[in-house]
N, C-alpha and C. Protein backbone atom coordinates (compact mmCIF):
# COMPACT_ATOMS: atom_id res chain seq x y z
N MET A 1 1.00 -1.41 0.03
CA MET A 1 0.13 -0.29 -0.16
C MET A 1 0.84 1.15 0.10
N ARG A 2 0.55 2.02 -0.56
CA ARG A 2 1.25 3.41 -0.35
C ARG A 2 0.40 4.70 -0.30
N VAL A 3 0.92 5.20 0.34
CA VAL A 3 0.56 6.83 1.37
C VAL A 3 1.07 7.73 0.74
N GLN A 4 0.38 8.25 0.53
CA GLN A 4 1.39 9.91 -0.21
C GLN A 4 0.17 11.86 0.28
N VAL A 5 1.03 11.93 0.79
CA VAL A 5 0.44 13.63 1.61
C VAL A 5 0.74 14.01 0.53
N VAL A 6 -0.21 14.80 -0.08
CA VAL A 6 -0.09 15.87 -1.05
C VAL A 6 0.10 17.18 -0.10
N GLU A 7 1.14 17.69 -0.73
CA GLU A 7 1.85 19.27 0.24
C GLU A 7 1.83 20.10 -0.58
N HIS A 8 1.61 21.13 -0.46
CA HIS A 8 0.92 22.31 -1.64
C HIS A 8 0.82 23.44 -0.96
N PRO A 9 0.61 24.29 -0.55
CA PRO A 9 0.65 25.84 -0.42
C PRO A 9 -0.65 25.93 -0.10
N LEU A 10 -2.23 25.65 -1.54
CA LEU A 10 -2.80 26.28 -1.48
C LEU A 10 -4.26 25.04 -0.84
N ILE A 11 -2.78 23.80 -0.50
CA ILE A 11 -3.82 22.66 0.15
C ILE A 11 -4.20 23.10 1.62
N ALA A 12 -2.56 23.31 1.85
CA ALA A 12 -2.17 23.90 3.09
C ALA A 12 -3.59 24.94 3.76
N HIS A 13 -3.83 25.89 2.81
CA HIS A 13 -4.47 26.68 3.30
C HIS A 13 -6.33 26.31 3.69
N LYS A 14 -6.43 25.70 1.86
CA LYS A 14 -7.62 25.46 2.41
C LYS A 14 -8.47 24.27 3.53
N LEU A 15 -6.97 23.72 3.92
CA LEU A 15 -7.23 22.79 4.80
C LEU A 15 -7.93 23.80 6.90
N THR A 16 -6.52 24.70 6.38
CA THR A 16 -6.90 25.22 7.38
C THR A 16 -8.07 26.01 7.58
N GLU A 17 -8.32 26.09 6.68
CA GLU A 17 -10.24 27.09 6.31
C GLU A 17 -10.83 25.97 6.33
N LEU A 18 -11.29 25.16 6.50
CA LEU A 18 -12.21 23.57 6.09
C LEU A 18 -11.62 23.61 8.17
N ARG A 19 -10.99 23.26 8.97
CA ARG A 19 -10.72 22.98 10.21
C ARG A 19 -11.43 24.25 10.73
N ARG A 20 -11.61 25.50 10.73
CA ARG A 20 -11.97 26.56 11.12
C ARG A 20 -13.20 26.08 11.71
N GLN A 21 -13.77 26.10 13.60
CA GLN A 21 -14.81 25.79 13.69
C GLN A 21 -16.03 26.78 13.10
N GLU A 22 -15.41 28.01 12.93
CA GLU A 22 -16.22 29.47 12.21
C GLU A 22 -17.39 28.97 10.85
N THR A 23 -16.33 27.78 10.42
CA THR A 23 -16.25 28.10 8.71
C THR A 23 -18.26 27.60 8.28
N THR A 24 -18.76 28.17 7.64
CA THR A 24 -20.13 27.57 7.69
C THR A 24 -20.11 27.01 6.55
N SER A 25 -21.29 25.95 6.37
CA SER A 25 -21.39 24.56 5.69
C SER A 25 -21.51 24.93 4.01
N ASN A 26 -22.19 26.38 3.66
CA ASN A 26 -21.73 26.44 2.27
C ASN A 26 -20.46 26.80 2.43
N THR A 27 -19.34 27.41 2.84
CA THR A 27 -17.45 27.68 2.73
C THR A 27 -17.53 26.65 2.71
N PHE A 28 -17.48 25.72 3.95
CA PHE A 28 -17.12 23.97 4.20
C PHE A 28 -17.24 23.17 2.57
N ARG A 29 -18.27 23.47 2.15
CA ARG A 29 -19.00 22.67 0.95
C ARG A 29 -17.98 22.60 -0.29
N ASP A 30 -17.71 24.20 -0.57
CA ASP A 30 -16.69 24.84 -1.80
C ASP A 30 -15.52 24.24 -1.01
N LEU A 31 -14.97 24.99 0.19
CA LEU A 31 -13.59 24.46 0.42
C LEU A 31 -13.22 22.82 -0.41
N THR A 32 -14.15 21.88 0.39
CA THR A 32 -13.98 20.71 0.08
C THR A 32 -14.22 19.96 -1.44
N ARG A 33 -15.01 20.71 -2.18
CA ARG A 33 -15.17 20.76 -3.47
C ARG A 33 -13.56 21.17 -4.57
N GLU A 34 -12.90 21.97 -3.91
CA GLU A 34 -11.75 22.75 -4.36
C GLU A 34 -10.34 21.69 -3.56
N LEU A 35 -10.80 21.26 -2.37
CA LEU A 35 -9.23 20.32 -1.88
C LEU A 35 -9.73 18.72 -2.52
N VAL A 36 -10.65 18.55 -2.86
CA VAL A 36 -10.76 17.42 -3.04
C VAL A 36 -10.79 17.39 -5.20
N THR A 37 -10.54 18.25 -5.82
CA THR A 37 -9.93 18.56 -6.75
C THR A 37 -8.42 19.01 -6.88
N LEU A 38 -8.16 19.48 -6.40
CA LEU A 38 -6.21 19.41 -5.99
C LEU A 38 -6.06 17.93 -5.55
N LEU A 39 -6.61 17.07 -4.78
CA LEU A 39 -6.16 15.96 -4.28
C LEU A 39 -6.62 14.77 -5.42
N ALA A 40 -7.50 15.09 -6.57
CA ALA A 40 -7.73 13.79 -7.63
C ALA A 40 -6.45 14.55 -8.56
N TYR A 41 -6.36 15.74 -8.90
CA TYR A 41 -4.95 15.86 -9.82
C TYR A 41 -3.49 15.34 -9.42
N GLU A 42 -3.58 14.40 -7.80
CA GLU A 42 -2.32 13.72 -8.41
C GLU A 42 -3.12 12.13 -7.87
N ALA A 43 -4.12 12.15 -7.23
CA ALA A 43 -3.84 11.07 -7.44
C ALA A 43 -4.60 9.80 -8.77
N SER A 44 -5.10 11.29 -9.94
CA SER A 44 -5.12 10.08 -10.84
C SER A 44 -3.88 10.76 -11.61
N GLY A 45 -2.66 10.19 -10.94
CA GLY A 45 -1.76 10.36 -11.65
C GLY A 45 -0.89 9.55 -12.89
N SER A 46 -1.51 8.17 -11.93
CA SER A 46 -1.24 6.48 -12.88
C SER A 46 -2.27 6.05 -13.98
N LEU A 47 -3.37 7.21 -13.99
CA LEU A 47 -4.23 6.47 -14.90
C LEU A 47 -3.53 6.33 -16.09
N PRO A 48 -3.76 4.94 -17.32
CA PRO A 48 -3.86 5.01 -17.85
C PRO A 48 -3.91 5.55 -19.45
N THR A 49 -3.26 5.66 -20.07
CA THR A 49 -3.78 6.30 -21.67
C THR A 49 -3.50 5.47 -22.56
N GLN A 50 -3.69 6.10 -23.78
CA GLN A 50 -3.73 5.86 -25.12
C GLN A 50 -3.12 6.70 -26.38
N PRO A 51 -2.26 6.29 -27.17
CA PRO A 51 -2.51 7.49 -28.40
C PRO A 51 -3.27 7.64 -29.13
N VAL A 52 -3.63 8.95 -29.19
CA VAL A 52 -4.85 9.48 -30.62
C VAL A 52 -4.72 10.25 -31.47
N ARG A 53 -5.07 9.96 -32.63
CA ARG A 53 -4.56 11.18 -33.21
C ARG A 53 -5.36 12.43 -34.14
N ILE A 54 -5.02 13.48 -33.74
CA ILE A 54 -6.00 14.17 -34.27
C ILE A 54 -5.58 15.66 -34.91
N THR A 55 -6.32 16.18 -35.27
CA THR A 55 -6.01 17.02 -36.06
C THR A 55 -6.18 18.44 -35.17
N THR A 56 -5.59 19.60 -35.46
CA THR A 56 -4.97 20.48 -34.69
C THR A 56 -5.52 21.64 -35.48
N PRO A 57 -5.90 23.44 -35.72
CA PRO A 57 -6.45 24.11 -36.35
C PRO A 57 -4.69 24.48 -37.36
N VAL A 58 -3.56 24.02 -36.97
CA VAL A 58 -2.52 23.60 -37.75
C VAL A 58 -1.88 22.38 -37.86
N ALA A 59 -2.27 21.55 -37.83
CA ALA A 59 -1.54 20.14 -37.89
C ALA A 59 -2.19 18.94 -37.31
N GLU A 60 -1.94 17.64 -38.01
CA GLU A 60 -2.33 16.52 -36.98
C GLU A 60 -0.89 16.49 -36.74
N MET A 61 -1.49 15.73 -35.33
CA MET A 61 -0.58 15.14 -34.40
C MET A 61 -1.01 13.57 -33.59
N THR A 62 0.03 13.34 -32.95
CA THR A 62 -0.59 12.06 -32.08
C THR A 62 -0.34 12.96 -30.25
N GLY A 63 -1.55 12.94 -29.94
CA GLY A 63 -1.54 13.22 -28.69
C GLY A 63 -2.33 12.03 -27.62
N ASP A 64 -2.32 11.73 -26.13
CA ASP A 64 -3.12 10.92 -25.27
C ASP A 64 -4.21 11.12 -25.45
N GLN A 65 -5.45 10.20 -24.69
CA GLN A 65 -6.51 9.83 -23.95
C GLN A 65 -6.62 9.03 -23.01
N LEU A 66 -7.48 9.07 -21.96
CA LEU A 66 -8.14 7.80 -21.22
C LEU A 66 -7.97 7.08 -21.83
N ALA A 67 -6.91 5.69 -21.39
CA ALA A 67 -7.78 4.68 -21.72
C ALA A 67 -8.85 3.79 -21.13
N GLY A 68 -9.42 2.75 -21.95
CA GLY A 68 -10.32 2.31 -20.98
C GLY A 68 -9.72 0.73 -20.15
N PRO A 69 -10.24 0.63 -19.38
CA PRO A 69 -12.16 0.60 -19.06
C PRO A 69 -12.22 2.01 -18.23
N LYS A 70 -13.23 2.90 -18.24
CA LYS A 70 -13.74 3.97 -17.35
C LYS A 70 -13.28 3.58 -16.07
N PRO A 71 -12.87 4.84 -15.34
CA PRO A 71 -12.86 4.71 -13.63
C PRO A 71 -13.96 4.76 -13.13
N LEU A 72 -14.35 4.07 -12.33
CA LEU A 72 -15.24 3.98 -11.21
C LEU A 72 -15.26 4.97 -9.84
N VAL A 73 -15.94 6.37 -9.62
CA VAL A 73 -15.32 6.77 -8.22
C VAL A 73 -16.94 6.50 -7.23
N VAL A 74 -16.12 5.77 -6.47
CA VAL A 74 -17.14 5.54 -5.41
C VAL A 74 -17.57 6.27 -4.12
N PRO A 75 -18.22 7.51 -3.70
CA PRO A 75 -18.42 7.75 -2.85
C PRO A 75 -18.81 7.02 -1.69
N ILE A 76 -18.22 6.94 -0.47
CA ILE A 76 -18.98 6.49 0.63
C ILE A 76 -20.06 7.22 1.81
N LEU A 77 -21.08 6.73 1.55
CA LEU A 77 -22.43 8.03 1.94
C LEU A 77 -22.32 7.89 3.58
N ARG A 78 -22.43 9.44 4.15
CA ARG A 78 -23.14 10.26 3.28
C ARG A 78 -21.87 11.00 3.32
N ALA A 79 -20.48 11.31 4.19
CA ALA A 79 -19.90 12.38 4.12
C ALA A 79 -19.11 12.42 2.35
N GLY A 80 -18.55 11.38 2.20
CA GLY A 80 -18.29 11.28 0.71
C GLY A 80 -19.02 11.84 -0.35
N LEU A 81 -20.45 12.65 0.21
CA LEU A 81 -20.92 12.66 -1.25
C LEU A 81 -20.80 13.89 -1.60
N GLY A 82 -20.01 14.69 -0.38
CA GLY A 82 -19.31 16.06 -0.52
C GLY A 82 -18.33 16.55 -1.28
N MET A 83 -17.79 15.29 -1.55
CA MET A 83 -16.23 15.28 -2.41
C MET A 83 -17.03 14.61 -3.62
N LEU A 84 -17.85 14.05 -4.39
CA LEU A 84 -18.22 14.43 -5.07
C LEU A 84 -17.79 14.96 -6.64
N ASP A 85 -18.40 16.21 -6.40
CA ASP A 85 -18.16 17.27 -7.54
C ASP A 85 -16.53 17.25 -7.54
N GLY A 86 -15.83 17.64 -7.05
CA GLY A 86 -14.68 17.53 -7.25
C GLY A 86 -13.87 16.83 -8.00
N MET A 87 -13.92 15.35 -7.59
CA MET A 87 -13.67 14.04 -8.38
C MET A 87 -13.87 14.43 -9.51
N THR A 88 -15.15 14.70 -10.35
CA THR A 88 -16.11 14.53 -11.07
C THR A 88 -15.54 15.47 -11.94
N ALA A 89 -15.22 16.65 -11.41
CA ALA A 89 -14.74 18.38 -12.24
C ALA A 89 -13.68 17.50 -12.66
N MET A 90 -12.63 16.72 -12.28
CA MET A 90 -10.99 16.00 -12.89
C MET A 90 -11.25 15.43 -13.42
N ILE A 91 -12.19 13.91 -13.18
CA ILE A 91 -12.64 12.99 -13.99
C ILE A 91 -13.70 13.12 -14.98
N PRO A 92 -14.27 13.71 -15.65
CA PRO A 92 -15.62 14.21 -16.13
C PRO A 92 -16.34 12.74 -16.90
N THR A 93 -14.98 11.97 -17.39
CA THR A 93 -15.67 10.47 -18.12
C THR A 93 -15.90 9.67 -17.03
N ALA A 94 -15.65 9.59 -15.97
CA ALA A 94 -15.75 8.85 -14.80
C ALA A 94 -16.95 7.96 -14.41
N GLU A 95 -17.58 7.13 -14.28
CA GLU A 95 -18.92 6.57 -13.75
C GLU A 95 -18.64 6.97 -12.68
N VAL A 96 -20.04 6.73 -11.95
CA VAL A 96 -20.21 6.90 -10.23
C VAL A 96 -20.83 5.92 -9.62
N GLY A 97 -20.52 4.55 -8.63
CA GLY A 97 -21.10 3.83 -7.58
C GLY A 97 -21.02 4.39 -6.30
N PHE A 98 -22.08 3.67 -5.46
CA PHE A 98 -22.29 4.33 -3.93
C PHE A 98 -21.99 3.25 -3.16
N LEU A 99 -21.43 3.40 -2.33
CA LEU A 99 -21.51 2.95 -1.25
C LEU A 99 -22.05 3.28 0.48
N GLY A 100 -22.70 2.91 0.81
CA GLY A 100 -23.55 2.93 2.49
C GLY A 100 -22.71 2.81 3.55
N MET A 101 -22.16 2.55 4.02
CA MET A 101 -21.56 1.55 5.60
C MET A 101 -21.38 3.23 6.57
N ALA A 102 -21.46 2.84 7.89
CA ALA A 102 -21.45 2.72 9.37
C ALA A 102 -21.39 2.54 9.95
N ARG A 103 -20.65 3.40 10.82
CA ARG A 103 -20.04 2.33 12.20
C ARG A 103 -21.00 2.25 13.04
N ASN A 104 -21.41 1.10 13.95
CA ASN A 104 -22.10 0.90 14.83
C ASN A 104 -21.50 1.53 16.29
N GLU A 105 -21.94 2.85 16.86
CA GLU A 105 -21.03 3.49 18.28
C GLU A 105 -21.09 2.40 19.22
N GLN A 106 -21.68 1.46 19.23
CA GLN A 106 -21.95 0.52 20.31
C GLN A 106 -21.00 -0.75 20.15
N THR A 107 -20.77 -1.67 18.59
CA THR A 107 -19.62 -2.48 18.90
C THR A 107 -18.60 -1.78 18.49
N LEU A 108 -18.92 -0.90 17.08
CA LEU A 108 -17.48 -0.13 15.97
C LEU A 108 -18.03 -0.95 15.08
N ASP A 109 -18.55 -2.09 14.82
CA ASP A 109 -18.42 -2.47 13.31
C ASP A 109 -18.71 -1.87 12.72
N ILE A 110 -18.74 -2.08 11.56
CA ILE A 110 -19.23 -1.50 10.03
C ILE A 110 -20.05 -2.61 9.19
N VAL A 111 -21.47 -1.60 9.41
CA VAL A 111 -22.27 -1.87 8.68
C VAL A 111 -22.46 -1.45 6.99
N THR A 112 -22.83 -2.33 6.03
CA THR A 112 -23.22 -1.89 4.70
C THR A 112 -24.66 -1.55 4.96
N TYR A 113 -25.19 -0.46 4.22
CA TYR A 113 -26.82 -0.03 4.02
C TYR A 113 -27.20 0.14 3.27
N ALA A 114 -26.07 0.18 2.00
CA ALA A 114 -26.51 0.35 1.22
C ALA A 114 -25.70 0.47 -0.36
N GLU A 115 -26.33 0.01 -1.18
CA GLU A 115 -25.12 -0.40 -2.49
C GLU A 115 -25.60 -0.12 -3.87
N ARG A 116 -24.77 0.80 -4.56
CA ARG A 116 -25.02 0.77 -5.88
C ARG A 116 -23.73 0.92 -6.79
N LEU A 117 -23.19 -0.46 -7.83
CA LEU A 117 -22.13 -0.25 -7.59
C LEU A 117 -22.08 -1.41 -9.15
N PRO A 118 -21.56 -0.91 -10.36
CA PRO A 118 -21.66 -2.39 -11.07
C PRO A 118 -21.87 -3.90 -10.66
N GLU A 119 -22.11 -5.14 -11.05
CA GLU A 119 -21.55 -6.36 -10.99
C GLU A 119 -20.36 -6.88 -11.21
N ASP A 120 -19.76 -5.93 -11.63
CA ASP A 120 -18.47 -7.00 -12.19
C ASP A 120 -17.62 -5.43 -12.34
N LEU A 121 -16.25 -5.00 -11.75
CA LEU A 121 -15.71 -4.53 -11.81
C LEU A 121 -14.30 -4.59 -12.07
N THR A 122 -13.94 -6.19 -12.53
CA THR A 122 -12.62 -6.28 -13.29
C THR A 122 -12.12 -5.29 -14.09
N GLY A 123 -10.94 -5.04 -13.63
CA GLY A 123 -9.74 -4.27 -14.06
C GLY A 123 -10.49 -3.16 -14.19
N ARG A 124 -11.25 -2.35 -13.33
CA ARG A 124 -11.85 -1.09 -13.90
C ARG A 124 -11.15 -0.68 -12.26
N PRO A 125 -9.88 0.35 -12.79
CA PRO A 125 -9.75 1.56 -11.42
C PRO A 125 -10.88 2.05 -10.48
N VAL A 126 -10.15 2.12 -9.81
CA VAL A 126 -11.39 2.89 -8.79
C VAL A 126 -10.88 3.96 -8.00
N PHE A 127 -11.92 5.01 -7.48
CA PHE A 127 -11.55 5.99 -6.50
C PHE A 127 -12.20 6.02 -5.73
N VAL A 128 -12.00 6.38 -3.83
CA VAL A 128 -12.81 5.60 -3.19
C VAL A 128 -12.85 7.34 -2.47
N LEU A 129 -14.03 7.93 -2.15
CA LEU A 129 -13.73 9.22 -1.32
C LEU A 129 -14.50 8.91 0.32
N ASP A 130 -13.62 9.30 1.11
CA ASP A 130 -14.53 9.24 2.31
C ASP A 130 -13.53 10.78 3.13
N PRO A 131 -14.04 11.69 3.45
CA PRO A 131 -13.61 12.22 4.34
C PRO A 131 -12.25 12.33 5.55
N MET A 132 -12.72 11.17 5.73
CA MET A 132 -11.63 11.20 7.67
C MET A 132 -11.41 9.81 7.30
N LEU A 133 -10.18 9.33 7.64
CA LEU A 133 -9.38 7.99 7.88
C LEU A 133 -9.21 7.43 8.82
N ALA A 134 -10.40 7.73 9.93
CA ALA A 134 -10.59 7.57 11.43
C ALA A 134 -9.56 5.92 12.14
N THR A 135 -10.45 5.30 12.47
CA THR A 135 -10.13 3.90 12.67
C THR A 135 -9.58 3.58 11.84
N GLY A 136 -10.31 3.70 10.33
CA GLY A 136 -9.70 2.68 8.84
C GLY A 136 -10.73 1.43 9.10
N GLY A 137 -11.91 1.25 10.41
CA GLY A 137 -12.73 0.23 9.49
C GLY A 137 -13.84 0.20 8.55
N THR A 138 -14.24 1.74 8.06
CA THR A 138 -15.17 1.62 6.71
C THR A 138 -14.19 1.34 5.85
N LEU A 139 -12.86 2.38 5.84
CA LEU A 139 -12.32 1.74 4.31
C LEU A 139 -11.77 0.99 3.92
N VAL A 140 -11.51 0.06 5.05
CA VAL A 140 -11.21 -1.87 5.14
C VAL A 140 -12.26 -2.60 4.37
N GLU A 141 -13.61 -1.75 4.84
CA GLU A 141 -14.48 -3.12 4.63
C GLU A 141 -15.22 -2.77 3.26
N SER A 142 -14.77 -1.30 2.67
CA SER A 142 -14.93 -0.33 1.46
C SER A 142 -14.38 -1.29 0.24
N ILE A 143 -12.55 -1.18 0.96
CA ILE A 143 -12.14 -1.76 -0.03
C ILE A 143 -11.99 -3.17 0.03
N ARG A 144 -12.24 -4.21 0.45
CA ARG A 144 -11.98 -5.57 0.43
C ARG A 144 -13.77 -5.78 0.06
N PHE A 145 -14.87 -4.96 0.09
CA PHE A 145 -16.29 -5.02 -1.45
C PHE A 145 -15.44 -4.76 -2.47
N LEU A 146 -15.54 -3.85 -2.38
CA LEU A 146 -14.63 -3.80 -4.03
C LEU A 146 -13.07 -4.83 -4.67
N GLN A 147 -12.97 -4.60 -3.88
CA GLN A 147 -11.58 -6.46 -4.12
C GLN A 147 -12.14 -6.87 -4.58
N LYS A 148 -13.44 -7.49 -3.83
CA LYS A 148 -14.19 -9.12 -4.33
C LYS A 148 -15.10 -8.66 -5.89
N ALA A 149 -15.33 -7.32 -6.13
CA ALA A 149 -15.93 -7.41 -7.07
C ALA A 149 -15.12 -7.02 -8.44
N GLY A 150 -13.67 -7.14 -8.46
CA GLY A 150 -12.54 -7.55 -9.07
C GLY A 150 -12.31 -6.18 -9.64
N ALA A 151 -12.26 -5.22 -8.81
CA ALA A 151 -11.52 -3.73 -9.11
C ALA A 151 -9.89 -3.66 -9.09
N ALA A 152 -9.49 -3.55 -10.22
CA ALA A 152 -8.49 -3.95 -10.55
C ALA A 152 -7.33 -2.95 -9.45
N LYS A 153 -7.21 -1.68 -9.49
CA LYS A 153 -6.88 -0.92 -8.34
C LYS A 153 -7.14 -0.29 -7.35
N ILE A 154 -7.06 0.43 -6.43
CA ILE A 154 -8.40 1.18 -5.49
C ILE A 154 -7.70 2.53 -4.75
N THR A 155 -7.88 3.15 -5.34
CA THR A 155 -7.22 4.20 -5.05
C THR A 155 -7.68 5.36 -4.17
N CYS A 156 -8.05 5.56 -3.15
CA CYS A 156 -8.36 5.71 -1.69
C CYS A 156 -8.10 7.93 -2.12
N ILE A 157 -8.43 8.71 -1.50
CA ILE A 157 -9.17 9.74 -0.85
C ILE A 157 -9.49 10.51 -0.18
N CYS A 158 -8.73 11.14 0.90
CA CYS A 158 -8.78 11.15 2.18
C CYS A 158 -8.80 12.75 2.64
N LEU A 159 -9.54 13.59 3.30
CA LEU A 159 -9.23 15.14 3.22
C LEU A 159 -8.12 14.87 4.84
N LEU A 160 -8.25 13.81 5.58
CA LEU A 160 -7.36 13.41 6.75
C LEU A 160 -7.43 11.84 7.33
N ALA A 161 -6.15 12.49 7.44
CA ALA A 161 -5.75 10.08 7.61
C ALA A 161 -4.86 10.52 9.00
N THR A 162 -5.21 9.53 9.87
CA THR A 162 -4.26 9.34 11.16
C THR A 162 -3.86 8.36 11.16
N PRO A 163 -3.05 7.88 11.82
CA PRO A 163 -1.65 7.25 12.09
C PRO A 163 -2.07 6.12 12.40
N GLU A 164 -3.64 6.09 13.23
CA GLU A 164 -4.33 4.17 13.96
C GLU A 164 -4.55 3.90 12.42
N GLY A 165 -5.34 4.71 11.48
CA GLY A 165 -6.52 4.21 10.49
C GLY A 165 -5.67 3.80 9.39
N ILE A 166 -4.34 4.19 9.40
CA ILE A 166 -3.41 3.97 8.23
C ILE A 166 -2.74 2.82 8.15
N GLU A 167 -1.99 2.42 9.84
CA GLU A 167 -1.50 1.26 10.12
C GLU A 167 -2.36 -0.06 10.13
N ARG A 168 -4.04 0.75 10.39
CA ARG A 168 -5.01 -0.93 10.10
C ARG A 168 -5.11 -1.08 9.09
N LEU A 169 -5.01 -0.03 7.67
CA LEU A 169 -4.91 -0.47 6.32
C LEU A 169 -3.77 -1.31 5.82
N GLU A 170 -3.28 -0.89 6.52
CA GLU A 170 -1.57 -1.93 6.03
C GLU A 170 -1.75 -2.91 6.84
N ASN A 171 -2.19 -3.23 7.65
CA ASN A 171 -1.93 -4.67 8.74
C ASN A 171 -3.21 -5.74 7.78
N GLU A 172 -4.54 -4.61 7.47
CA GLU A 172 -5.80 -5.72 6.86
C GLU A 172 -5.56 -5.57 4.92
N VAL A 173 -5.81 -4.38 4.77
CA VAL A 173 -5.58 -4.53 3.22
C VAL A 173 -3.90 -3.76 2.45
N GLY A 174 -3.17 -4.49 2.94
CA GLY A 174 -2.01 -3.70 2.82
C GLY A 174 -1.35 -4.45 1.25
N GLY A 175 -1.89 -6.03 1.45
CA GLY A 175 -1.14 -6.73 0.18
C GLY A 175 -1.93 -6.38 -1.08
N LEU A 176 -2.90 -5.69 -1.44
CA LEU A 176 -3.99 -5.46 -1.99
C LEU A 176 -3.69 -3.94 -3.25
N ASP A 177 -3.50 -3.76 -4.22
CA ASP A 177 -2.90 -3.16 -5.13
C ASP A 177 -4.16 -1.37 -4.58
N VAL A 178 -3.59 -1.25 -3.42
CA VAL A 178 -4.28 0.23 -2.69
C VAL A 178 -3.31 1.54 -2.71
N GLU A 179 -4.03 2.56 -3.31
CA GLU A 179 -2.98 3.63 -2.93
C GLU A 179 -3.55 4.62 -2.02
N LEU A 180 -3.65 5.67 -1.03
CA LEU A 180 -4.43 6.36 0.11
C LEU A 180 -3.80 7.82 -0.60
N TYR A 181 -4.52 8.69 -1.06
CA TYR A 181 -3.78 10.41 -0.75
C TYR A 181 -4.59 11.00 0.49
N THR A 182 -3.20 11.90 0.98
CA THR A 182 -4.61 12.47 2.01
C THR A 182 -3.71 14.17 1.96
N ALA A 183 -4.64 14.87 2.69
CA ALA A 183 -3.80 15.73 2.51
C ALA A 183 -3.28 16.31 3.80
N ALA A 184 -3.62 15.74 4.92
CA ALA A 184 -2.79 15.64 5.81
C ALA A 184 -2.85 14.78 7.40
N ILE A 185 -1.43 13.46 7.98
CA ILE A 185 -1.83 12.84 8.76
C ILE A 185 -1.29 13.99 10.03
N ASP A 186 -2.86 13.96 10.72
CA ASP A 186 -3.11 14.31 12.25
C ASP A 186 -2.64 13.74 12.94
N GLU A 187 -2.27 14.18 14.68
CA GLU A 187 -1.75 13.49 15.99
C GLU A 187 -2.62 12.27 16.19
N GLY A 188 -3.88 11.77 15.85
CA GLY A 188 -4.42 10.70 16.49
C GLY A 188 -5.96 10.41 16.53
N LEU A 189 -6.29 9.81 17.07
CA LEU A 189 -7.66 9.72 17.76
C LEU A 189 -7.74 9.86 19.23
N ASN A 190 -8.95 10.64 19.77
CA ASN A 190 -9.47 10.80 20.89
C ASN A 190 -9.66 9.68 21.44
N GLU A 191 -10.84 9.60 23.15
CA GLU A 191 -11.26 8.36 23.11
C GLU A 191 -12.25 7.99 22.58
N LYS A 192 -12.72 9.31 22.29
CA LYS A 192 -14.03 9.09 21.36
C LYS A 192 -14.34 8.41 20.10
N ALA A 193 -12.77 8.08 19.34
CA ALA A 193 -12.46 8.16 18.32
C ALA A 193 -12.72 9.26 16.95
N TYR A 194 -12.58 10.42 17.54
CA TYR A 194 -12.36 11.59 16.71
C TYR A 194 -11.06 11.89 16.63
N ILE A 195 -10.90 12.30 15.26
CA ILE A 195 -9.80 12.62 15.01
C ILE A 195 -9.31 14.46 15.52
N VAL A 196 -8.13 14.53 16.17
CA VAL A 196 -7.16 15.14 16.66
C VAL A 196 -6.52 15.84 15.73
N PRO A 197 -6.19 17.02 15.81
CA PRO A 197 -7.28 18.36 16.09
C PRO A 197 -8.21 18.03 14.61
N GLY A 198 -8.56 17.25 13.62
CA GLY A 198 -9.11 17.22 12.80
C GLY A 198 -10.11 18.04 12.31
N LEU A 199 -11.30 18.36 12.07
CA LEU A 199 -12.63 19.10 11.75
C LEU A 199 -13.75 18.65 12.35
N GLY A 200 -13.97 18.15 12.73
CA GLY A 200 -15.42 17.77 13.58
C GLY A 200 -15.58 16.42 12.62
N ASP A 201 -17.08 16.18 12.61
CA ASP A 201 -17.79 16.11 12.22
C ASP A 201 -17.96 16.17 11.08
N ALA A 202 -17.30 15.57 9.67
CA ALA A 202 -17.64 15.96 8.06
C ALA A 202 -19.14 15.93 7.56
N GLY A 203 -19.61 14.50 7.89
CA GLY A 203 -20.73 15.27 6.83
C GLY A 203 -21.48 15.97 7.85
N ASP A 204 -22.07 16.40 9.33
CA ASP A 204 -22.77 17.28 10.27
C ASP A 204 -21.96 18.58 9.10
N ARG A 205 -20.99 18.70 8.97
CA ARG A 205 -20.14 20.24 8.42
C ARG A 205 -20.65 20.59 7.43
N LEU A 206 -20.85 19.46 6.69
CA LEU A 206 -20.76 19.44 5.00
C LEU A 206 -22.55 19.81 4.66
N TYR A 207 -23.98 19.17 5.74
CA TYR A 207 -24.70 19.26 5.11
C TYR A 207 -25.67 19.94 6.78
N GLY A 208 -24.95 19.99 8.22
CA GLY A 208 -25.80 20.59 9.04
C GLY A 208 -26.62 20.35 9.70
N LEU A 209 -27.03 18.23 9.35
CA LEU A 209 -27.86 17.73 10.30
C LEU A 209 -27.63 16.62 10.89
N ALA A 210 -27.69 16.42 11.66
CA ALA A 210 -27.19 15.69 13.28
C ALA A 210 -27.77 13.99 12.35
N GLU A 211 -26.43 13.18 12.18
CA GLU A 211 -26.88 11.62 11.68
C GLU A 211 -27.41 11.23 12.37
């Protein structure tokens, strides 16, 4: 498994604004979209291309275009939806699937409550969108789910990650073709398994509703 913290002045600035307690939901959504677009640029760097002959206003030439099969973007409901626009802005030809996974607050087990994906993902590059890599449970189960469906390569994009979450990914799915791109690795988790310093509950801050 490859972990990449994407360092850039714009990413650092936008992440700081995202973390601010006083940032409104509207601004939070805008910042999330902008951050994901920047992360997606780095995360999509290994997508396969193929040569194509085109004609410019001046001459013929050989250029490059994305090769098939189409990438699949999978936001993890519900907070991952806030990352979708930024991702599809970078890869507008991608298809979109959905996974709904939630943590049982009593048992901490991950429960799948919704799924809308192609039946066969054989050979397809898949991008998983989840704002927070905290304990890692949701992302691990998502990766396993997609790998069983035949996904060739799984690239996870998270706004924030923790050492605990990364360690769990490496221990449980590190042998698969998985990459993680994030804007920052924070200090860790508190006693309630929230990221510190973090940015709060991403879903609530995006949509202003209690889960």
